[in-house]
Amino acid sequence: MRALRILLVVAVVLGGLLVGADRLAAAWAESEVAGRASLAGGKTESVEVDIKGFPFLTQAADKRFGEVEVVAKGVRTQAGGKPVRIGELALDLRDVTVTGDWDRFRAGSADGTALITYADLVEASQRATAMEYDSPGKVRVTGSVQVLGRTMTRTVVSSVTLVRGDTLKVRADEVPGEGIPLLEDLVRERTDFERPLGRVAGMRVVRVEPRPEGLAVTVTGRDVAIAG
């Protein structure tokens, strides 16, 4: 019995060492991938990588991982040929393969959400002066116009929709005219806008949703390049 107890203790210790080594290797790989990640074809302030599944070393030997989660913050990219900043890009990558010296990564399929803050959305619009969440599907947009030598500032409630497959559209539901000729047209010039989003990190946009913290852009794709 004493020998059996010793054998069990040794097995537990060795098992713990193997698990610890596996987790250390996973942590190293996550750090390496995060350091090399290039998402959305632009610069990224920070990247966190979480490689799912156990054991990691077996997956690493095959250079194939069942699931990898990536969270990138401060991604600067292009939308419609113009610069835009994505505050946070969270991706769930599946069937991830590695080629070369861990310098090329592809996902068989991927889904994610890009969160654009309203401050960054205002900058991207190049029209509005302020924007904030109003209600599901709606935002409040503020714009300033010149009328008869005076600066007039108006805030409108606007609907946010996805049109033509990949274009973000923000349009005021109603603009108070206040009896001033052409005021509505002038306000709309500063509050309404459309912006082609194209592909985000190689994935197509399927939904846009205003949230209190910003505009959430849902993306999905297949055979997606992750880094390299």
C-alpha atoms as a PDB file:
ATOM      1  CA  MET A   1       0.000   0.000   0.000  1.00  0.00           C
ATOM      2  CA  ARG A   2       2.861   2.350   0.840  1.00  0.00           C
ATOM      3  CA  ALA A   3       4.386   1.768  -2.600  1.00  0.00           C
ATOM      4  CA  LEU A   4       1.020   2.465  -4.231  1.00  0.00           C
ATOM      5  CA  ARG A   5       0.664   5.741  -2.336  1.00  0.00           C
ATOM      6  CA  ILE A   6       4.158   6.786  -3.392  1.00  0.00           C
ATOM      7  CA  LEU A   7       3.340   5.917  -7.014  1.00  0.00           C
ATOM      8  CA  LEU A   8       0.154   7.987  -6.864  1.00  0.00           C
ATOM      9  CA  VAL A   9       2.028  10.955  -5.371  1.00  0.00           C
ATOM     10  CA  VAL A  10       4.675  10.728  -8.096  1.00  0.00           C
ATOM     11  CA  ALA A  11       1.960  10.520 -10.771  1.00  0.00           C
ATOM     12  CA  VAL A  12       0.215  13.604  -9.376  1.00  0.00           C
ATOM     13  CA  VAL A  13       3.489  15.547  -9.202  1.00  0.00           C
ATOM     14  CA  LEU A  14       4.481  14.594 -12.751  1.00  0.00           C
ATOM     15  CA  GLY A  15       1.003  15.394 -13.991  1.00  0.00           C
ATOM     16  CA  GLY A  16       1.189  18.801 -12.338  1.00  0.00           C
ATOM     17  CA  LEU A  17       4.582  19.452 -13.885  1.00  0.00           C
ATOM     18  CA  LEU A  18       3.320  18.494 -17.325  1.00  0.00           C
ATOM     19  CA  VAL A  19       0.253  20.709 -16.982  1.00  0.00           C
ATOM     20  CA  GLY A  20       2.441  23.550 -15.743  1.00  0.00           C
ATOM     21  CA  ALA A  21       4.845  23.129 -18.660  1.00  0.00           C
ATOM     22  CA  ASP A  22       1.931  23.025 -21.091  1.00  0.00           C
ATOM     23  CA  ARG A  23       0.471  26.246 -19.673  1.00  0.00           C
ATOM     24  CA  LEU A  24       3.864  27.974 -19.754  1.00  0.00           C
ATOM     25  CA  ALA A  25       4.275  27.008 -23.395  1.00  0.00           C
ATOM     26  CA  ALA A  26       0.765  28.277 -24.147  1.00  0.00           C
ATOM     27  CA  ALA A  27       1.486  31.574 -22.405  1.00  0.00           C
ATOM     28  CA  TRP A  28       4.721  31.974 -24.408  1.00  0.00           C
ATOM     29  CA  ALA A  29       2.923  31.263 -27.686  1.00  0.00           C
ATOM     30  CA  GLU A  30       0.118  33.700 -26.824  1.00  0.00           C
ATOM     31  CA  SER A  31       2.700  36.391 -26.140  1.00  0.00           C
ATOM     32  CA  GLU A  32       4.537  35.665 -29.401  1.00  0.00           C
ATOM     33  CA  VAL A  33       1.367  35.746 -31.497  1.00  0.00           C
ATOM     34  CA  ALA A  34       0.212  38.950 -29.778  1.00  0.00           C
ATOM     35  CA  GLY A  35       3.555  40.568 -30.513  1.00  0.00           C
ATOM     36  CA  ARG A  36       3.379  39.683 -34.191  1.00  0.00           C
ATOM     37  CA  ALA A  37      -0.316  40.266 -34.758  1.00  0.00           C
ATOM     38  CA  SER A  38      -1.298  42.569 -37.591  1.00  0.00           C
ATOM     39  CA  LEU A  39      -5.053  43.077 -37.631  1.00  0.00           C
ATOM     40  CA  ALA A  40      -7.206  45.105 -39.994  1.00  0.00           C
ATOM     41  CA  GLY A  41      -4.141  46.100 -41.996  1.00  0.00           C
ATOM     42  CA  GLY A  42      -3.186  48.866 -39.588  1.00  0.00           C
ATOM     43  CA  LYS A  43      -1.399  49.733 -36.361  1.00  0.00           C
ATOM     44  CA  THR A  44      -2.666  48.322 -33.066  1.00  0.00           C
ATOM     45  CA  GLU A  45      -2.041  49.704 -29.590  1.00  0.00           C
ATOM     46  CA  SER A  46      -2.298  46.326 -27.818  1.00  0.00           C
ATOM     47  CA  VAL A  47      -3.260  42.716 -28.548  1.00  0.00           C
ATOM     48  CA  GLU A  48      -4.261  39.908 -26.174  1.00  0.00           C
ATOM     49  CA  VAL A  49      -4.384  36.284 -27.361  1.00  0.00           C
ATOM     50  CA  ASP A  50      -6.045  33.336 -25.601  1.00  0.00           C
ATOM     51  CA  ILE A  51      -5.349  29.906 -27.121  1.00  0.00           C
ATOM     52  CA  LYS A  52      -8.098  27.504 -26.113  1.00  0.00           C
ATOM     53  CA  GLY A  53      -7.892  23.746 -25.714  1.00  0.00           C
ATOM     54  CA  PHE A  54      -5.656  21.307 -23.839  1.00  0.00           C
ATOM     55  CA  PRO A  55      -3.017  20.119 -24.217  1.00  0.00           C
ATOM     56  CA  PHE A  56      -1.452  23.075 -25.992  1.00  0.00           C
ATOM     57  CA  LEU A  57       1.756  21.250 -26.918  1.00  0.00           C
ATOM     58  CA  THR A  58      -0.114  18.683 -28.990  1.00  0.00           C
ATOM     59  CA  GLN A  59      -1.868  21.443 -30.927  1.00  0.00           C
ATOM     60  CA  ALA A  60       1.425  23.317 -31.338  1.00  0.00           C
ATOM     61  CA  ALA A  61       3.118  20.209 -32.748  1.00  0.00           C
ATOM     62  CA  ASP A  62       0.361  19.977 -35.387  1.00  0.00           C
ATOM     63  CA  LYS A  63       0.408  23.765 -35.918  1.00  0.00           C
ATOM     64  CA  ARG A  64      -3.365  23.686 -35.715  1.00  0.00           C
ATOM     65  CA  PHE A  65      -5.567  25.124 -32.970  1.00  0.00           C
ATOM     66  CA  GLY A  66      -9.270  24.556 -32.510  1.00  0.00           C
ATOM     67  CA  GLU A  67     -10.100  27.997 -31.112  1.00  0.00           C
ATOM     68  CA  VAL A  68      -8.221  31.214 -30.447  1.00  0.00           C
ATOM     69  CA  GLU A  69      -9.641  34.412 -28.981  1.00  0.00           C
ATOM     70  CA  VAL A  70      -8.017  37.722 -29.891  1.00  0.00           C
ATOM     71  CA  VAL A  71      -8.754  41.137 -28.396  1.00  0.00           C
ATOM     72  CA  ALA A  72      -7.031  44.092 -30.051  1.00  0.00           C
ATOM     73  CA  LYS A  73      -7.351  47.651 -28.778  1.00  0.00           C
ATOM     74  CA  GLY A  74      -6.717  50.920 -30.553  1.00  0.00           C
ATOM     75  CA  VAL A  75      -6.730  49.516 -34.099  1.00  0.00           C
ATOM     76  CA  ARG A  76      -6.095  52.195 -36.708  1.00  0.00           C
ATOM     77  CA  THR A  77      -7.278  51.178 -40.154  1.00  0.00           C
ATOM     78  CA  GLN A  78      -9.092  52.459 -43.240  1.00  0.00           C
ATOM     79  CA  ALA A  79     -12.815  52.560 -44.019  1.00  0.00           C
ATOM     80  CA  GLY A  80     -13.940  53.811 -47.394  1.00  0.00           C
ATOM     81  CA  GLY A  81     -10.408  55.014 -48.061  1.00  0.00           C
ATOM     82  CA  LYS A  82     -10.425  57.208 -44.953  1.00  0.00           C
ATOM     83  CA  PRO A  83      -8.785  56.594 -41.560  1.00  0.00           C
ATOM     84  CA  VAL A  84     -10.862  55.258 -38.672  1.00  0.00           C
ATOM     85  CA  ARG A  85      -9.935  54.050 -35.206  1.00  0.00           C
ATOM     86  CA  ILE A  86     -11.509  50.903 -33.730  1.00  0.00           C
ATOM     87  CA  GLY A  87     -11.485  51.129 -29.940  1.00  0.00           C
ATOM     88  CA  GLU A  88     -11.686  47.352 -29.465  1.00  0.00           C
ATOM     89  CA  LEU A  89     -11.767  44.431 -31.882  1.00  0.00           C
ATOM     90  CA  ALA A  90     -12.725  41.084 -30.299  1.00  0.00           C
ATOM     91  CA  LEU A  91     -12.425  37.995 -32.511  1.00  0.00           C
ATOM     92  CA  ASP A  92     -13.290  34.336 -32.021  1.00  0.00           C
ATOM     93  CA  LEU A  93     -11.117  32.358 -34.445  1.00  0.00           C
ATOM     94  CA  ARG A  94     -11.689  28.682 -35.205  1.00  0.00           C
ATOM     95  CA  ASP A  95      -9.574  26.047 -36.960  1.00  0.00           C
ATOM     96  CA  VAL A  96      -6.438  28.193 -36.821  1.00  0.00           C
ATOM     97  CA  THR A  97      -3.407  26.961 -38.761  1.00  0.00           C
ATOM     98  CA  VAL A  98       0.206  28.148 -38.542  1.00  0.00           C
ATOM     99  CA  THR A  99       2.741  28.132 -41.366  1.00  0.00           C
ATOM    100  CA  GLY A 100       6.399  29.042 -41.471  1.00  0.00           C
ATOM    101  CA  ASP A 101       8.248  30.134 -38.341  1.00  0.00           C
ATOM    102  CA  TRP A 102       5.052  31.112 -36.521  1.00  0.00           C
ATOM    103  CA  ASP A 103       4.799  34.130 -38.798  1.00  0.00           C
ATOM    104  CA  ARG A 104       1.636  33.321 -40.751  1.00  0.00           C
ATOM    105  CA  PHE A 105      -1.732  32.487 -39.229  1.00  0.00           C
ATOM    106  CA  ARG A 106      -5.084  31.770 -40.821  1.00  0.00           C
ATOM    107  CA  ALA A 107      -8.488  30.923 -39.380  1.00  0.00           C
ATOM    108  CA  GLY A 108     -10.887  28.592 -41.159  1.00  0.00           C
ATOM    109  CA  SER A 109     -13.742  30.729 -39.827  1.00  0.00           C
ATOM    110  CA  ALA A 110     -14.086  33.727 -37.545  1.00  0.00           C
ATOM    111  CA  ASP A 111     -16.657  35.987 -35.927  1.00  0.00           C
ATOM    112  CA  GLY A 112     -16.155  39.158 -33.982  1.00  0.00           C
ATOM    113  CA  THR A 113     -17.208  42.615 -32.938  1.00  0.00           C
ATOM    114  CA  ALA A 114     -15.491  45.913 -33.650  1.00  0.00           C
ATOM    115  CA  LEU A 115     -16.414  48.658 -31.192  1.00  0.00           C
ATOM    116  CA  ILE A 116     -16.006  52.228 -32.430  1.00  0.00           C
ATOM    117  CA  THR A 117     -16.393  54.917 -29.783  1.00  0.00           C
ATOM    118  CA  TYR A 118     -18.660  57.832 -30.603  1.00  0.00           C
ATOM    119  CA  ALA A 119     -15.713  60.219 -30.413  1.00  0.00           C
ATOM    120  CA  ASP A 120     -13.900  58.175 -33.068  1.00  0.00           C
ATOM    121  CA  LEU A 121     -17.105  57.960 -35.112  1.00  0.00           C
ATOM    122  CA  VAL A 122     -17.449  61.746 -35.038  1.00  0.00           C
ATOM    123  CA  GLU A 123     -13.880  62.067 -36.286  1.00  0.00           C
ATOM    124  CA  ALA A 124     -14.568  59.536 -39.038  1.00  0.00           C
ATOM    125  CA  SER A 125     -17.751  61.345 -40.086  1.00  0.00           C
ATOM    126  CA  GLN A 126     -15.823  64.589 -40.683  1.00  0.00           C
ATOM    127  CA  ARG A 127     -19.158  66.378 -40.243  1.00  0.00           C
ATOM    128  CA  ALA A 128     -20.730  66.072 -36.808  1.00  0.00           C
ATOM    129  CA  THR A 129     -19.406  67.803 -33.703  1.00  0.00           C
ATOM    130  CA  ALA A 130     -20.729  65.275 -31.155  1.00  0.00           C
ATOM    131  CA  MET A 131     -22.522  61.937 -30.995  1.00  0.00           C
ATOM    132  CA  GLU A 132     -23.950  59.743 -28.248  1.00  0.00           C
ATOM    133  CA  TYR A 133     -26.230  56.763 -27.699  1.00  0.00           C
ATOM    134  CA  ASP A 134     -29.968  57.440 -27.673  1.00  0.00           C
ATOM    135  CA  SER A 135     -31.890  54.140 -27.811  1.00  0.00           C
ATOM    136  CA  PRO A 136     -31.783  50.822 -29.706  1.00  0.00           C
ATOM    137  CA  GLY A 137     -30.915  51.652 -33.310  1.00  0.00           C
ATOM    138  CA  LYS A 138     -30.667  55.374 -32.557  1.00  0.00           C
ATOM    139  CA  VAL A 139     -27.985  57.941 -31.736  1.00  0.00           C
ATOM    140  CA  ARG A 140     -28.079  61.649 -30.964  1.00  0.00           C
ATOM    141  CA  VAL A 141     -25.958  63.686 -33.363  1.00  0.00           C
ATOM    142  CA  THR A 142     -24.980  67.318 -32.884  1.00  0.00           C
ATOM    143  CA  GLY A 143     -23.912  69.607 -35.696  1.00  0.00           C
ATOM    144  CA  SER A 144     -23.275  73.324 -36.133  1.00  0.00           C
ATOM    145  CA  VAL A 145     -24.242  75.393 -39.162  1.00  0.00           C
ATOM    146  CA  GLN A 146     -23.881  78.993 -40.271  1.00  0.00           C
ATOM    147  CA  VAL A 147     -27.193  80.771 -40.914  1.00  0.00           C
ATOM    148  CA  LEU A 148     -27.307  84.481 -41.769  1.00  0.00           C
ATOM    149  CA  GLY A 149     -23.915  85.011 -40.159  1.00  0.00           C
ATOM    150  CA  ARG A 150     -24.852  83.189 -36.952  1.00  0.00           C
ATOM    151  CA  THR A 151     -23.670  79.787 -35.753  1.00  0.00           C
ATOM    152  CA  MET A 152     -26.597  77.532 -34.935  1.00  0.00           C
ATOM    153  CA  THR A 153     -26.125  74.190 -33.171  1.00  0.00           C
ATOM    154  CA  ARG A 154     -28.748  71.488 -33.405  1.00  0.00           C
ATOM    155  CA  THR A 155     -28.997  67.979 -31.946  1.00  0.00           C
ATOM    156  CA  VAL A 156     -31.087  65.388 -33.780  1.00  0.00           C
ATOM    157  CA  VAL A 157     -32.067  61.755 -33.174  1.00  0.00           C
ATOM    158  CA  SER A 158     -30.727  59.634 -36.021  1.00  0.00           C
ATOM    159  CA  SER A 159     -31.267  56.065 -37.183  1.00  0.00           C
ATOM    160  CA  VAL A 160     -28.200  53.901 -37.712  1.00  0.00           C
ATOM    161  CA  THR A 161     -28.477  51.274 -40.454  1.00  0.00           C
ATOM    162  CA  LEU A 162     -26.345  49.113 -42.730  1.00  0.00           C
ATOM    163  CA  VAL A 163     -27.070  49.732 -46.405  1.00  0.00           C
ATOM    164  CA  ARG A 164     -25.726  48.257 -49.644  1.00  0.00           C
ATOM    165  CA  GLY A 165     -24.139  45.429 -47.699  1.00  0.00           C
ATOM    166  CA  ASP A 166     -21.188  47.278 -46.179  1.00  0.00           C
ATOM    167  CA  THR A 167     -22.063  50.959 -45.771  1.00  0.00           C
ATOM    168  CA  LEU A 168     -22.849  52.624 -42.447  1.00  0.00           C
ATOM    169  CA  LYS A 169     -25.699  55.128 -42.762  1.00  0.00           C
ATOM    170  CA  VAL A 170     -26.586  57.705 -40.111  1.00  0.00           C
ATOM    171  CA  ARG A 171     -29.647  59.825 -40.938  1.00  0.00           C
ATOM    172  CA  ALA A 172     -31.731  62.145 -38.771  1.00  0.00           C
ATOM    173  CA  ASP A 173     -35.314  60.998 -38.279  1.00  0.00           C
ATOM    174  CA  GLU A 174     -36.460  64.610 -38.191  1.00  0.00           C
ATOM    175  CA  VAL A 175     -34.863  68.053 -38.285  1.00  0.00           C
ATOM    176  CA  PRO A 176     -36.839  70.976 -36.819  1.00  0.00           C
ATOM    177  CA  GLY A 177     -37.034  73.691 -39.460  1.00  0.00           C
ATOM    178  CA  GLU A 178     -38.007  76.517 -37.136  1.00  0.00           C
ATOM    179  CA  GLY A 179     -39.269  78.464 -40.150  1.00  0.00           C
ATOM    180  CA  ILE A 180     -35.772  79.199 -41.407  1.00  0.00           C
ATOM    181  CA  PRO A 181     -35.390  78.473 -45.155  1.00  0.00           C
ATOM    182  CA  LEU A 182     -33.012  75.622 -45.981  1.00  0.00           C
ATOM    183  CA  LEU A 183     -32.216  75.040 -42.285  1.00  0.00           C
ATOM    184  CA  GLU A 184     -33.078  71.345 -42.507  1.00  0.00           C
ATOM    185  CA  ASP A 185     -30.766  70.851 -45.476  1.00  0.00           C
ATOM    186  CA  LEU A 186     -27.955  72.690 -43.720  1.00  0.00           C
ATOM    187  CA  VAL A 187     -28.340  70.627 -40.534  1.00  0.00           C
ATOM    188  CA  ARG A 188     -28.447  67.378 -42.468  1.00  0.00           C
ATOM    189  CA  GLU A 189     -25.205  68.322 -44.183  1.00  0.00           C
ATOM    190  CA  ARG A 190     -23.594  68.306 -40.729  1.00  0.00           C
ATOM    191  CA  THR A 191     -25.395  65.344 -39.136  1.00  0.00           C
ATOM    192  CA  ASP A 192     -26.248  62.849 -41.894  1.00  0.00           C
ATOM    193  CA  PHE A 193     -23.487  60.764 -43.413  1.00  0.00           C
ATOM    194  CA  GLU A 194     -22.652  57.449 -45.032  1.00  0.00           C
ATOM    195  CA  ARG A 195     -19.350  55.629 -44.701  1.00  0.00           C
ATOM    196  CA  PRO A 196     -18.375  52.440 -46.584  1.00  0.00           C
ATOM    197  CA  LEU A 197     -16.891  50.021 -44.058  1.00  0.00           C
ATOM    198  CA  GLY A 198     -15.587  47.459 -46.527  1.00  0.00           C
ATOM    199  CA  ARG A 199     -14.016  44.525 -44.686  1.00  0.00           C
ATOM    200  CA  VAL A 200     -12.843  44.609 -41.087  1.00  0.00           C
ATOM    201  CA  ALA A 201      -9.778  42.413 -40.424  1.00  0.00           C
ATOM    202  CA  GLY A 202     -10.614  40.550 -43.634  1.00  0.00           C
ATOM    203  CA  MET A 203     -14.210  39.882 -42.581  1.00  0.00           C
ATOM    204  CA  ARG A 204     -17.477  41.195 -43.953  1.00  0.00           C
ATOM    205  CA  VAL A 205     -19.781  43.389 -41.891  1.00  0.00           C
ATOM    206  CA  VAL A 206     -23.165  41.816 -41.110  1.00  0.00           C
ATOM    207  CA  ARG A 207     -24.609  44.224 -38.539  1.00  0.00           C
ATOM    208  CA  VAL A 208     -24.194  47.663 -36.955  1.00  0.00           C
ATOM    209  CA  GLU A 209     -25.684  48.363 -33.524  1.00  0.00           C
ATOM    210  CA  PRO A 210     -25.497  51.519 -31.407  1.00  0.00           C
ATOM    211  CA  ARG A 211     -24.603  50.744 -27.795  1.00  0.00           C
ATOM    212  CA  PRO A 212     -24.037  53.087 -24.837  1.00  0.00           C
ATOM    213  CA  GLU A 213     -20.261  52.589 -25.139  1.00  0.00           C
ATOM    214  CA  GLY A 214     -20.106  53.035 -28.913  1.00  0.00           C
ATOM    215  CA  LEU A 215     -21.075  51.584 -32.269  1.00  0.00           C
ATOM    216  CA  ALA A 216     -20.758  47.776 -32.373  1.00  0.00           C
ATOM    217  CA  VAL A 217     -19.943  46.381 -35.812  1.00  0.00           C
ATOM    218  CA  THR A 218     -20.498  42.612 -36.093  1.00  0.00           C
ATOM    219  CA  VAL A 219     -18.220  40.826 -38.583  1.00  0.00           C
ATOM    220  CA  THR A 220     -17.826  37.281 -39.876  1.00  0.00           C
ATOM    221  CA  GLY A 221     -15.552  35.538 -42.351  1.00  0.00           C
ATOM    222  CA  ARG A 222     -13.885  32.396 -43.613  1.00  0.00           C
ATOM    223  CA  ASP A 223     -10.205  31.769 -44.410  1.00  0.00           C
ATOM    224  CA  VAL A 224      -9.183  34.876 -42.495  1.00  0.00           C
ATOM    225  CA  ALA A 225      -5.554  36.044 -42.238  1.00  0.00           C
ATOM    226  CA  ILE A 226      -4.855  36.850 -38.591  1.00  0.00           C
ATOM    227  CA  ALA A 227      -1.242  37.943 -38.501  1.00  0.00           C
ATOM    228  CA  GLY A 228       1.921  37.866 -40.496  1.00  0.00           C
END
